Amino acid sequence: MIFLPRTREVYLMNEKPGDVLTIEELSVYLKIPKSTLYKLVRGGKVPAQKVGWN
């Protein structure tokens, strides 16, 4: 579940293991800028896991 305080919207995400969205996909899904999504990730509001070398 993701809660966006400014709009007071709650998004329920499918919690099946293996369902992974990129920052780009999630920003389109939530209709918010990537910069806002990165802030939510840094603030611990959106669960995230780094994948790969970078």
N, C-alpha and C. Protein backbone atom coordinates (compact mmCIF):
# COMPACT_ATOMS: atom_id res chain seq x y z
N MET A 1 0.85 -1.16 0.00
CA MET A 1 0.00 0.00 0.00
C MET A 1 0.90 1.24 0.00
N ILE A 2 0.52 2.21 -0.82
CA ILE A 2 1.25 3.46 -0.90
C ILE A 2 0.28 4.60 -0.62
N PHE A 3 0.65 5.49 0.31
CA PHE A 3 -0.20 6.63 0.68
C PHE A 3 0.49 7.91 0.26
N LEU A 4 -0.19 8.72 -0.53
CA LEU A 4 0.34 10.01 -0.94
C LEU A 4 -0.33 11.10 -0.12
N PRO A 5 0.39 11.69 0.84
CA PRO A 5 -0.22 12.64 1.77
C PRO A 5 -0.84 13.86 1.11
N ARG A 6 -0.20 14.40 0.11
CA ARG A 6 -0.70 15.64 -0.51
C ARG A 6 -2.10 15.44 -1.09
N THR A 7 -2.31 14.33 -1.77
CA THR A 7 -3.61 14.08 -2.40
C THR A 7 -4.49 13.18 -1.55
N ARG A 8 -3.93 12.65 -0.48
CA ARG A 8 -4.62 11.72 0.41
C ARG A 8 -5.14 10.48 -0.34
N GLU A 9 -4.40 10.10 -1.38
CA GLU A 9 -4.77 8.92 -2.14
C GLU A 9 -4.01 7.71 -1.62
N VAL A 10 -4.67 6.58 -1.62
CA VAL A 10 -4.06 5.32 -1.21
C VAL A 10 -4.10 4.38 -2.41
N TYR A 11 -2.97 3.78 -2.72
CA TYR A 11 -2.88 2.83 -3.81
C TYR A 11 -2.53 1.47 -3.23
N LEU A 12 -3.33 0.48 -3.52
CA LEU A 12 -3.04 -0.88 -3.09
C LEU A 12 -2.30 -1.58 -4.21
N MET A 13 -1.16 -2.10 -3.89
CA MET A 13 -0.35 -2.79 -4.88
C MET A 13 -0.52 -4.29 -4.69
N ASN A 14 -0.44 -5.01 -5.78
CA ASN A 14 -0.49 -6.46 -5.72
C ASN A 14 0.76 -6.93 -4.98
N GLU A 15 0.58 -7.68 -3.91
CA GLU A 15 1.71 -8.04 -3.06
C GLU A 15 2.26 -9.44 -3.33
N LYS A 16 2.04 -9.97 -4.54
CA LYS A 16 2.59 -11.27 -4.86
C LYS A 16 4.10 -11.16 -5.02
N PRO A 17 4.84 -12.12 -4.46
CA PRO A 17 6.29 -12.10 -4.63
C PRO A 17 6.65 -12.14 -6.11
N GLY A 18 7.66 -11.39 -6.48
CA GLY A 18 8.09 -11.38 -7.87
C GLY A 18 7.52 -10.24 -8.69
N ASP A 19 6.49 -9.55 -8.18
CA ASP A 19 5.95 -8.40 -8.89
C ASP A 19 6.87 -7.21 -8.63
N VAL A 20 7.54 -6.75 -9.67
CA VAL A 20 8.50 -5.67 -9.53
C VAL A 20 8.17 -4.59 -10.56
N LEU A 21 8.18 -3.34 -10.12
CA LEU A 21 7.98 -2.21 -11.02
C LEU A 21 9.22 -1.33 -10.98
N THR A 22 9.57 -0.78 -12.13
CA THR A 22 10.66 0.19 -12.17
C THR A 22 10.14 1.54 -11.69
N ILE A 23 11.05 2.46 -11.43
CA ILE A 23 10.66 3.82 -11.05
C ILE A 23 9.77 4.42 -12.14
N GLU A 24 10.14 4.23 -13.40
CA GLU A 24 9.36 4.77 -14.50
C GLU A 24 7.95 4.20 -14.52
N GLU A 25 7.83 2.87 -14.38
CA GLU A 25 6.51 2.23 -14.39
C GLU A 25 5.64 2.69 -13.23
N LEU A 26 6.24 2.79 -12.05
CA LEU A 26 5.47 3.20 -10.88
C LEU A 26 5.06 4.66 -10.95
N SER A 27 5.92 5.51 -11.49
CA SER A 27 5.55 6.92 -11.62
C SER A 27 4.37 7.09 -12.58
N VAL A 28 4.33 6.29 -13.65
CA VAL A 28 3.19 6.33 -14.57
C VAL A 28 1.94 5.79 -13.87
N TYR A 29 2.08 4.69 -13.15
CA TYR A 29 0.96 4.07 -12.45
C TYR A 29 0.35 5.02 -11.42
N LEU A 30 1.20 5.70 -10.66
CA LEU A 30 0.73 6.61 -9.62
C LEU A 30 0.44 8.02 -10.14
N LYS A 31 0.86 8.28 -11.39
CA LYS A 31 0.67 9.60 -12.01
C LYS A 31 1.36 10.70 -11.21
N ILE A 32 2.62 10.42 -10.84
CA ILE A 32 3.44 11.41 -10.13
C ILE A 32 4.81 11.46 -10.81
N PRO A 33 5.51 12.59 -10.69
CA PRO A 33 6.85 12.69 -11.29
C PRO A 33 7.84 11.72 -10.64
N LYS A 34 8.83 11.32 -11.42
CA LYS A 34 9.86 10.42 -10.88
C LYS A 34 10.58 11.06 -9.70
N SER A 35 10.79 12.37 -9.75
CA SER A 35 11.49 13.04 -8.65
C SER A 35 10.72 12.90 -7.34
N THR A 36 9.40 13.00 -7.41
CA THR A 36 8.57 12.82 -6.22
C THR A 36 8.65 11.39 -5.73
N LEU A 37 8.66 10.45 -6.65
CA LEU A 37 8.74 9.04 -6.29
C LEU A 37 10.08 8.74 -5.61
N TYR A 38 11.16 9.31 -6.11
CA TYR A 38 12.47 9.12 -5.47
C TYR A 38 12.46 9.67 -4.04
N LYS A 39 11.80 10.80 -3.83
CA LYS A 39 11.70 11.37 -2.48
C LYS A 39 10.91 10.44 -1.56
N LEU A 40 9.84 9.84 -2.07
CA LEU A 40 9.04 8.90 -1.28
C LEU A 40 9.86 7.66 -0.92
N VAL A 41 10.68 7.20 -1.86
CA VAL A 41 11.55 6.04 -1.61
C VAL A 41 12.57 6.39 -0.53
N ARG A 42 13.24 7.54 -0.68
CA ARG A 42 14.23 7.95 0.32
C ARG A 42 13.61 8.14 1.70
N GLY A 43 12.37 8.58 1.75
CA GLY A 43 11.68 8.80 3.02
C GLY A 43 11.08 7.53 3.61
N GLY A 44 11.23 6.39 2.91
CA GLY A 44 10.70 5.13 3.41
C GLY A 44 9.21 4.96 3.22
N LYS A 45 8.58 5.81 2.43
CA LYS A 45 7.13 5.73 2.19
C LYS A 45 6.79 4.68 1.13
N VAL A 46 7.75 4.39 0.27
CA VAL A 46 7.57 3.40 -0.79
C VAL A 46 8.68 2.37 -0.65
N PRO A 47 8.33 1.09 -0.51
CA PRO A 47 9.37 0.07 -0.41
C PRO A 47 10.14 -0.04 -1.72
N ALA A 48 11.45 -0.18 -1.62
CA ALA A 48 12.29 -0.26 -2.81
C ALA A 48 13.47 -1.17 -2.56
N GLN A 49 13.95 -1.76 -3.63
CA GLN A 49 15.12 -2.62 -3.57
C GLN A 49 15.95 -2.33 -4.81
N LYS A 50 17.22 -2.07 -4.62
CA LYS A 50 18.12 -1.82 -5.74
C LYS A 50 18.49 -3.16 -6.38
N VAL A 51 18.42 -3.21 -7.71
CA VAL A 51 18.72 -4.44 -8.44
C VAL A 51 19.81 -4.15 -9.45
N GLY A 52 20.80 -5.02 -9.53
CA GLY A 52 21.85 -4.86 -10.52
C GLY A 52 23.09 -4.20 -9.95
N TRP A 53 23.96 -3.77 -10.86
CA TRP A 53 25.26 -3.23 -10.48
C TRP A 53 25.21 -1.80 -9.99
N ASN A 54 24.36 -0.99 -10.54
CA ASN A 54 24.35 0.45 -10.23
C ASN A 54 23.60 0.77 -8.98
